């Protein structure tokens, strides 16, 4: 159901005259897993950005992805540890899926959304993740 709902939203956006006609899905935490599910279940978009979120490590499943994947993760995330992210990246590479996935050192889950909780620690990696995201979106949507 969620893939069909996202497909409907993407179709609407692609028809708008004020955009490039290309769409990317972005999700944080639970939404990161939703964005990955959309990448696996639809070809109606050009990009997927995952901030934290549920991951898979099966190259066979990853073969369903037809575009580059962006990912931002935290080294000190107990729910999505770096080892899990590394297996995800290995599966993407084994399936031939381009990716820009990064694990930021010394930060916790949510660092990007909650810079204000620890600006001294979170600001620099959050700014870098923002710059990477903007470059990624430019590559995949032309915006």
N, C-alpha and C. Protein backbone atom coordinates (compact mmCIF):
# COMPACT_ATOMS: atom_id res chain seq x y z
N UNK A 1 0.81 -1.19 0.00
CA UNK A 1 0.00 0.00 0.00
C UNK A 1 0.86 1.26 0.00
N UNK A 2 1.94 1.25 0.81
CA UNK A 2 2.75 2.46 0.90
C UNK A 2 3.44 2.77 -0.42
N UNK A 3 3.90 1.74 -1.14
CA UNK A 3 4.55 1.97 -2.43
C UNK A 3 3.57 2.58 -3.42
N UNK A 4 2.35 2.08 -3.44
CA UNK A 4 1.36 2.65 -4.37
C UNK A 4 1.02 4.08 -3.99
N UNK A 5 0.96 4.39 -2.71
CA UNK A 5 0.72 5.77 -2.29
C UNK A 5 1.86 6.69 -2.70
N UNK A 6 3.09 6.22 -2.52
CA UNK A 6 4.25 7.02 -2.93
C UNK A 6 4.31 7.16 -4.45
N UNK A 7 3.95 6.11 -5.17
CA UNK A 7 3.88 6.20 -6.63
C UNK A 7 2.89 7.28 -7.07
N UNK A 8 1.74 7.33 -6.41
CA UNK A 8 0.74 8.35 -6.74
C UNK A 8 1.28 9.74 -6.48
N UNK A 9 1.98 9.92 -5.36
CA UNK A 9 2.57 11.22 -5.06
C UNK A 9 3.65 11.58 -6.08
N UNK A 10 4.50 10.62 -6.44
CA UNK A 10 5.55 10.87 -7.42
C UNK A 10 4.95 11.21 -8.78
N UNK A 11 3.92 10.52 -9.18
CA UNK A 11 3.26 10.80 -10.46
C UNK A 11 2.70 12.22 -10.47
N UNK A 12 2.09 12.62 -9.37
CA UNK A 12 1.57 13.99 -9.27
C UNK A 12 2.71 15.00 -9.41
N UNK A 13 3.79 14.78 -8.68
CA UNK A 13 4.91 15.73 -8.73
C UNK A 13 5.53 15.79 -10.13
N UNK A 14 5.64 14.66 -10.79
CA UNK A 14 6.25 14.63 -12.12
C UNK A 14 5.43 15.39 -13.16
N UNK A 15 4.15 15.53 -12.93
CA UNK A 15 3.29 16.26 -13.87
C UNK A 15 3.32 17.76 -13.67
N UNK A 16 3.86 18.22 -12.56
CA UNK A 16 3.89 19.65 -12.28
C UNK A 16 4.84 20.36 -13.24
N UNK A 17 4.48 21.53 -13.66
CA UNK A 17 5.31 22.29 -14.59
C UNK A 17 6.45 23.03 -13.90
N UNK A 18 6.41 23.16 -12.59
CA UNK A 18 7.42 23.93 -11.88
C UNK A 18 8.56 23.08 -11.31
N UNK A 19 8.67 21.83 -11.78
CA UNK A 19 9.76 20.95 -11.34
C UNK A 19 10.39 20.29 -12.55
N UNK A 20 11.48 19.55 -12.33
CA UNK A 20 12.21 18.92 -13.43
C UNK A 20 11.53 17.67 -13.97
N UNK A 21 10.54 17.15 -13.25
CA UNK A 21 9.92 15.89 -13.65
C UNK A 21 10.63 14.69 -13.04
N UNK A 22 11.59 14.95 -12.17
CA UNK A 22 12.31 13.88 -11.49
C UNK A 22 12.04 14.00 -10.00
N UNK A 23 11.93 12.84 -9.33
CA UNK A 23 11.53 12.80 -7.92
C UNK A 23 12.51 11.94 -7.13
N UNK A 24 12.76 12.35 -5.90
CA UNK A 24 13.55 11.54 -4.97
C UNK A 24 12.75 11.38 -3.68
N UNK A 25 12.87 10.22 -3.07
CA UNK A 25 12.26 9.95 -1.77
C UNK A 25 13.32 10.13 -0.69
N UNK A 26 12.93 10.79 0.40
CA UNK A 26 13.84 11.02 1.53
C UNK A 26 13.13 10.58 2.80
N UNK A 27 13.82 9.84 3.65
CA UNK A 27 13.22 9.43 4.90
C UNK A 27 14.20 9.41 6.04
N UNK A 28 13.69 9.77 7.23
CA UNK A 28 14.46 9.75 8.47
C UNK A 28 13.90 8.68 9.37
N UNK A 29 14.77 7.96 10.06
CA UNK A 29 14.39 6.92 11.02
C UNK A 29 13.44 5.92 10.36
N UNK A 30 12.23 5.78 10.86
CA UNK A 30 11.25 4.87 10.24
C UNK A 30 11.09 5.21 8.76
N UNK A 31 11.06 6.50 8.46
CA UNK A 31 10.91 6.94 7.07
C UNK A 31 12.07 6.53 6.19
N UNK A 32 13.26 6.34 6.77
CA UNK A 32 14.39 5.84 5.99
C UNK A 32 14.11 4.44 5.48
N UNK A 33 13.50 3.62 6.33
CA UNK A 33 13.10 2.28 5.90
C UNK A 33 12.01 2.33 4.86
N UNK A 34 11.08 3.27 5.00
CA UNK A 34 10.03 3.46 4.00
C UNK A 34 10.65 3.86 2.66
N UNK A 35 11.60 4.78 2.69
CA UNK A 35 12.26 5.22 1.46
C UNK A 35 12.97 4.04 0.79
N UNK A 36 13.64 3.20 1.58
CA UNK A 36 14.29 2.02 1.01
C UNK A 36 13.26 1.07 0.42
N UNK A 37 12.15 0.85 1.11
CA UNK A 37 11.09 0.00 0.56
C UNK A 37 10.59 0.53 -0.77
N UNK A 38 10.49 1.84 -0.87
CA UNK A 38 10.05 2.46 -2.13
C UNK A 38 11.09 2.23 -3.23
N UNK A 39 12.36 2.34 -2.88
CA UNK A 39 13.42 2.08 -3.87
C UNK A 39 13.35 0.64 -4.37
N UNK A 40 13.03 -0.28 -3.48
CA UNK A 40 12.96 -1.70 -3.84
C UNK A 40 11.69 -2.05 -4.61
N UNK A 41 10.63 -1.26 -4.42
CA UNK A 41 9.34 -1.64 -4.97
C UNK A 41 8.79 -0.79 -6.09
N UNK A 42 9.55 0.21 -6.54
CA UNK A 42 9.03 1.10 -7.58
C UNK A 42 10.16 1.65 -8.44
N UNK A 43 9.82 1.92 -9.68
CA UNK A 43 10.77 2.58 -10.59
C UNK A 43 10.27 3.97 -10.96
N UNK A 44 9.36 4.52 -10.15
CA UNK A 44 8.72 5.79 -10.47
C UNK A 44 9.43 6.99 -9.85
N UNK A 45 10.70 6.80 -9.49
CA UNK A 45 11.47 7.91 -8.92
C UNK A 45 12.95 7.72 -9.25
N UNK A 46 13.69 8.80 -9.11
CA UNK A 46 15.08 8.81 -9.55
C UNK A 46 16.09 8.77 -8.41
N UNK A 47 15.65 8.83 -7.18
CA UNK A 47 16.60 8.85 -6.08
C UNK A 47 15.98 8.44 -4.76
N UNK A 48 16.83 7.98 -3.85
CA UNK A 48 16.42 7.61 -2.50
C UNK A 48 17.49 8.05 -1.53
N UNK A 49 17.08 8.86 -0.54
CA UNK A 49 17.98 9.30 0.52
C UNK A 49 17.49 8.74 1.84
N UNK A 50 18.39 8.07 2.55
CA UNK A 50 18.06 7.41 3.80
C UNK A 50 18.88 8.04 4.92
N UNK A 51 18.18 8.55 5.92
CA UNK A 51 18.82 9.02 7.15
C UNK A 51 18.42 8.04 8.23
N UNK A 52 19.39 7.24 8.68
CA UNK A 52 19.12 6.19 9.65
C UNK A 52 18.17 5.20 8.96
N UNK A 53 17.27 4.59 9.59
CA UNK A 53 16.29 3.74 8.90
C UNK A 53 16.69 2.29 8.74
N UNK A 54 15.69 1.45 8.61
CA UNK A 54 15.85 0.00 8.44
C UNK A 54 16.62 -0.30 7.16
N UNK A 55 17.56 -1.24 7.24
CA UNK A 55 18.39 -1.59 6.09
C UNK A 55 18.28 -3.08 5.79
N UNK A 56 18.69 -3.43 4.60
CA UNK A 56 18.77 -4.83 4.17
C UNK A 56 20.20 -5.12 3.75
N UNK A 57 20.55 -6.40 3.71
CA UNK A 57 21.91 -6.74 3.28
C UNK A 57 21.94 -7.86 2.24
N UNK A 58 20.86 -7.99 1.47
CA UNK A 58 20.74 -9.04 0.46
C UNK A 58 20.96 -8.45 -0.94
N UNK A 59 22.09 -8.77 -1.58
CA UNK A 59 22.36 -8.22 -2.92
C UNK A 59 21.28 -8.55 -3.93
N UNK A 60 20.65 -9.70 -3.78
CA UNK A 60 19.59 -10.08 -4.72
C UNK A 60 18.41 -9.11 -4.64
N UNK A 61 18.04 -8.74 -3.43
CA UNK A 61 16.97 -7.76 -3.28
C UNK A 61 17.39 -6.39 -3.80
N UNK A 62 18.65 -6.05 -3.59
CA UNK A 62 19.15 -4.74 -4.02
C UNK A 62 19.13 -4.58 -5.53
N UNK A 63 19.11 -5.67 -6.27
CA UNK A 63 19.08 -5.59 -7.73
C UNK A 63 17.81 -4.92 -8.26
N UNK A 64 16.81 -4.77 -7.40
CA UNK A 64 15.57 -4.10 -7.80
C UNK A 64 15.70 -2.58 -7.78
N UNK A 65 16.80 -2.08 -7.25
CA UNK A 65 17.01 -0.64 -7.16
C UNK A 65 17.64 -0.15 -8.46
N UNK A 66 17.07 0.89 -9.05
CA UNK A 66 17.51 1.36 -10.36
C UNK A 66 18.17 2.74 -10.32
N UNK A 67 18.55 3.21 -9.15
CA UNK A 67 19.17 4.52 -9.05
C UNK A 67 20.16 4.54 -7.88
N UNK A 68 20.96 5.59 -7.85
CA UNK A 68 21.92 5.78 -6.77
C UNK A 68 21.20 5.96 -5.43
N UNK A 69 21.79 5.41 -4.38
CA UNK A 69 21.26 5.54 -3.02
C UNK A 69 22.17 6.45 -2.21
N UNK A 70 21.55 7.37 -1.47
CA UNK A 70 22.25 8.24 -0.53
C UNK A 70 21.95 7.74 0.88
N UNK A 71 22.94 7.76 1.76
CA UNK A 71 22.69 7.37 3.14
C UNK A 71 23.54 8.14 4.12
N UNK A 72 22.94 8.53 5.23
CA UNK A 72 23.64 9.17 6.34
C UNK A 72 23.34 8.39 7.61
N UNK A 73 24.41 7.99 8.29
CA UNK A 73 24.28 7.16 9.48
C UNK A 73 25.23 7.65 10.56
N UNK A 74 25.01 7.21 11.79
CA UNK A 74 25.78 7.66 12.94
C UNK A 74 26.56 6.50 13.55
N UNK A 75 27.81 6.74 13.83
CA UNK A 75 28.67 5.71 14.41
C UNK A 75 28.13 5.19 15.75
N UNK A 76 27.54 6.07 16.53
CA UNK A 76 27.09 5.70 17.88
C UNK A 76 25.59 5.40 17.92
N UNK A 77 25.06 4.90 16.83
CA UNK A 77 23.64 4.56 16.74
C UNK A 77 23.46 3.11 17.16
N UNK A 78 22.81 2.90 18.30
CA UNK A 78 22.64 1.53 18.79
C UNK A 78 21.59 0.75 18.01
N UNK A 79 20.66 1.45 17.34
CA UNK A 79 19.62 0.74 16.59
C UNK A 79 20.07 0.37 15.18
N UNK A 80 20.99 1.11 14.62
CA UNK A 80 21.54 0.81 13.30
C UNK A 80 23.07 0.92 13.40
N UNK A 81 23.71 -0.11 13.92
CA UNK A 81 25.16 -0.05 14.14
C UNK A 81 25.94 0.00 12.83
N UNK A 82 27.16 0.54 12.87
CA UNK A 82 27.98 0.65 11.67
C UNK A 82 28.16 -0.67 10.91
N UNK A 83 28.22 -1.79 11.62
CA UNK A 83 28.39 -3.08 10.95
C UNK A 83 27.20 -3.36 10.02
N UNK A 84 26.00 -2.99 10.46
CA UNK A 84 24.81 -3.17 9.64
C UNK A 84 24.86 -2.28 8.40
N UNK A 85 25.32 -1.06 8.57
CA UNK A 85 25.45 -0.13 7.44
C UNK A 85 26.48 -0.66 6.45
N UNK A 86 27.57 -1.19 6.95
CA UNK A 86 28.62 -1.73 6.07
C UNK A 86 28.10 -2.92 5.27
N UNK A 87 27.28 -3.77 5.89
CA UNK A 87 26.67 -4.90 5.15
C UNK A 87 25.71 -4.39 4.08
N UNK A 88 24.97 -3.34 4.40
CA UNK A 88 24.07 -2.71 3.43
C UNK A 88 24.85 -2.19 2.22
N UNK A 89 25.94 -1.48 2.47
CA UNK A 89 26.77 -0.95 1.39
C UNK A 89 27.37 -2.08 0.56
N UNK A 90 27.82 -3.14 1.22
CA UNK A 90 28.37 -4.29 0.49
C UNK A 90 27.32 -4.91 -0.42
N UNK A 91 26.09 -5.01 0.07
CA UNK A 91 25.00 -5.57 -0.74
C UNK A 91 24.69 -4.66 -1.93
N UNK A 92 24.67 -3.35 -1.69
CA UNK A 92 24.45 -2.41 -2.80
C UNK A 92 25.53 -2.58 -3.86
N UNK A 93 26.78 -2.61 -3.43
CA UNK A 93 27.90 -2.75 -4.37
C UNK A 93 27.83 -4.07 -5.13
N UNK A 94 27.51 -5.16 -4.41
CA UNK A 94 27.41 -6.47 -5.06
C UNK A 94 26.31 -6.47 -6.12
N UNK A 95 25.27 -5.67 -5.90
CA UNK A 95 24.17 -5.58 -6.86
C UNK A 95 24.43 -4.54 -7.94
N UNK A 96 25.57 -3.84 -7.85
CA UNK A 96 25.90 -2.83 -8.85
C UNK A 96 25.15 -1.52 -8.67
N UNK A 97 24.68 -1.23 -7.46
CA UNK A 97 23.94 -0.01 -7.19
C UNK A 97 24.91 1.06 -6.69
N UNK A 98 24.99 2.16 -7.42
CA UNK A 98 25.83 3.27 -6.98
C UNK A 98 25.30 3.79 -5.67
N UNK A 99 26.21 4.29 -4.83
CA UNK A 99 25.75 4.81 -3.54
C UNK A 99 26.72 5.83 -2.98
N UNK A 100 26.15 6.70 -2.17
CA UNK A 100 26.89 7.69 -1.40
C UNK A 100 26.40 7.51 0.03
N UNK A 101 27.00 6.57 0.73
CA UNK A 101 26.61 6.24 2.10
C UNK A 101 27.77 6.58 3.02
N UNK A 102 27.46 7.28 4.10
CA UNK A 102 28.51 7.71 5.02
C UNK A 102 28.07 7.48 6.46
N UNK A 103 29.00 6.99 7.27
CA UNK A 103 28.79 6.84 8.71
C UNK A 103 29.61 7.94 9.38
N UNK A 104 28.93 8.83 10.09
CA UNK A 104 29.62 9.93 10.76
C UNK A 104 30.11 9.50 12.14
N UNK A 105 31.38 9.81 12.42
CA UNK A 105 32.02 9.46 13.68
C UNK A 105 31.46 10.29 14.84
N UNK A 106 31.47 9.68 16.00
CA UNK A 106 31.21 10.37 17.27
C UNK A 106 29.85 11.07 17.37
N UNK A 107 28.86 10.62 16.61
CA UNK A 107 27.52 11.18 16.72
C UNK A 107 26.51 10.04 16.93
N UNK A 108 25.35 10.44 17.42
CA UNK A 108 24.28 9.49 17.72
C UNK A 108 23.14 9.59 16.71
N UNK A 109 22.26 8.61 16.75
CA UNK A 109 21.05 8.61 15.94
C UNK A 109 20.33 9.95 16.10
N UNK A 110 19.93 10.55 15.00
CA UNK A 110 19.20 11.81 15.05
C UNK A 110 20.07 13.05 15.03
N UNK A 111 21.38 12.89 14.90
CA UNK A 111 22.26 14.06 14.97
C UNK A 111 21.93 15.11 13.92
N UNK A 112 21.48 14.68 12.77
CA UNK A 112 21.19 15.62 11.67
C UNK A 112 19.96 16.46 11.97
N UNK A 113 18.95 15.84 12.53
CA UNK A 113 17.73 16.57 12.83
C UNK A 113 17.82 17.38 14.12
N UNK A 114 18.72 16.97 15.00
CA UNK A 114 18.78 17.59 16.32
C UNK A 114 20.14 18.19 16.60
N UNK A 115 20.60 19.03 15.71
CA UNK A 115 21.89 19.69 15.89
C UNK A 115 21.90 20.46 17.21
N UNK A 116 20.77 21.07 17.55
CA UNK A 116 20.68 21.91 18.74
C UNK A 116 20.90 21.15 20.05
N UNK A 117 20.75 19.84 20.04
CA UNK A 117 20.94 19.06 21.27
C UNK A 117 22.41 19.00 21.68
N UNK A 118 23.30 19.05 20.70
CA UNK A 118 24.74 19.04 20.97
C UNK A 118 25.45 19.69 19.80
N UNK A 119 25.31 21.02 19.67
CA UNK A 119 25.85 21.70 18.49
C UNK A 119 27.35 21.51 18.29
N UNK A 120 28.09 21.45 19.38
CA UNK A 120 29.54 21.30 19.26
C UNK A 120 29.91 20.00 18.56
N UNK A 121 29.16 18.94 18.84
CA UNK A 121 29.42 17.63 18.24
C UNK A 121 28.70 17.47 16.90
N UNK A 122 27.45 17.93 16.82
CA UNK A 122 26.60 17.63 15.67
C UNK A 122 26.72 18.59 14.49
N UNK A 123 27.13 19.81 14.73
CA UNK A 123 27.07 20.82 13.67
C UNK A 123 27.90 20.45 12.44
N UNK A 124 29.15 20.12 12.62
CA UNK A 124 30.03 19.84 11.47
C UNK A 124 29.56 18.63 10.67
N UNK A 125 29.27 17.49 11.31
CA UNK A 125 28.77 16.36 10.49
C UNK A 125 27.42 16.64 9.86
N UNK A 126 26.55 17.37 10.55
CA UNK A 126 25.23 17.69 9.98
C UNK A 126 25.39 18.59 8.76
N UNK A 127 26.28 19.55 8.84
CA UNK A 127 26.53 20.43 7.69
C UNK A 127 27.09 19.63 6.52
N UNK A 128 28.01 18.72 6.79
CA UNK A 128 28.56 17.89 5.73
C UNK A 128 27.47 17.01 5.11
N UNK A 129 26.62 16.42 5.94
CA UNK A 129 25.52 15.59 5.42
C UNK A 129 24.57 16.42 4.57
N UNK A 130 24.30 17.65 4.97
CA UNK A 130 23.45 18.55 4.21
C UNK A 130 24.06 18.85 2.85
N UNK A 131 25.37 19.13 2.82
CA UNK A 131 26.05 19.41 1.55
C UNK A 131 26.03 18.19 0.65
N UNK A 132 26.27 17.02 1.22
CA UNK A 132 26.21 15.77 0.43
C UNK A 132 24.81 15.55 -0.12
N UNK A 133 23.77 15.79 0.73
CA UNK A 133 22.39 15.60 0.29
C UNK A 133 22.06 16.55 -0.87
N UNK A 134 22.43 17.81 -0.75
CA UNK A 134 22.15 18.76 -1.83
C UNK A 134 22.84 18.34 -3.12
N UNK A 135 24.09 17.89 -3.05
CA UNK A 135 24.80 17.44 -4.24
C UNK A 135 24.12 16.20 -4.83
N UNK A 136 23.69 15.29 -3.97
CA UNK A 136 23.00 14.08 -4.42
C UNK A 136 21.70 14.45 -5.14
N UNK A 137 20.90 15.30 -4.52
CA UNK A 137 19.63 15.68 -5.14
C UNK A 137 19.85 16.39 -6.46
N UNK A 138 20.90 17.16 -6.56
CA UNK A 138 21.22 17.80 -7.84
C UNK A 138 21.56 16.74 -8.90
N UNK A 139 22.33 15.71 -8.49
CA UNK A 139 22.69 14.65 -9.45
C UNK A 139 21.46 13.90 -9.94
N UNK A 140 20.54 13.58 -9.04
CA UNK A 140 19.44 12.69 -9.42
C UNK A 140 18.20 13.40 -9.92
N UNK A 141 18.02 14.68 -9.55
CA UNK A 141 16.82 15.39 -10.00
C UNK A 141 17.13 16.59 -10.88
N UNK A 142 18.37 17.03 -10.89
CA UNK A 142 18.72 18.19 -11.69
C UNK A 142 18.37 19.51 -11.02
N UNK A 143 17.90 19.46 -9.78
CA UNK A 143 17.56 20.69 -9.04
C UNK A 143 18.71 21.10 -8.16
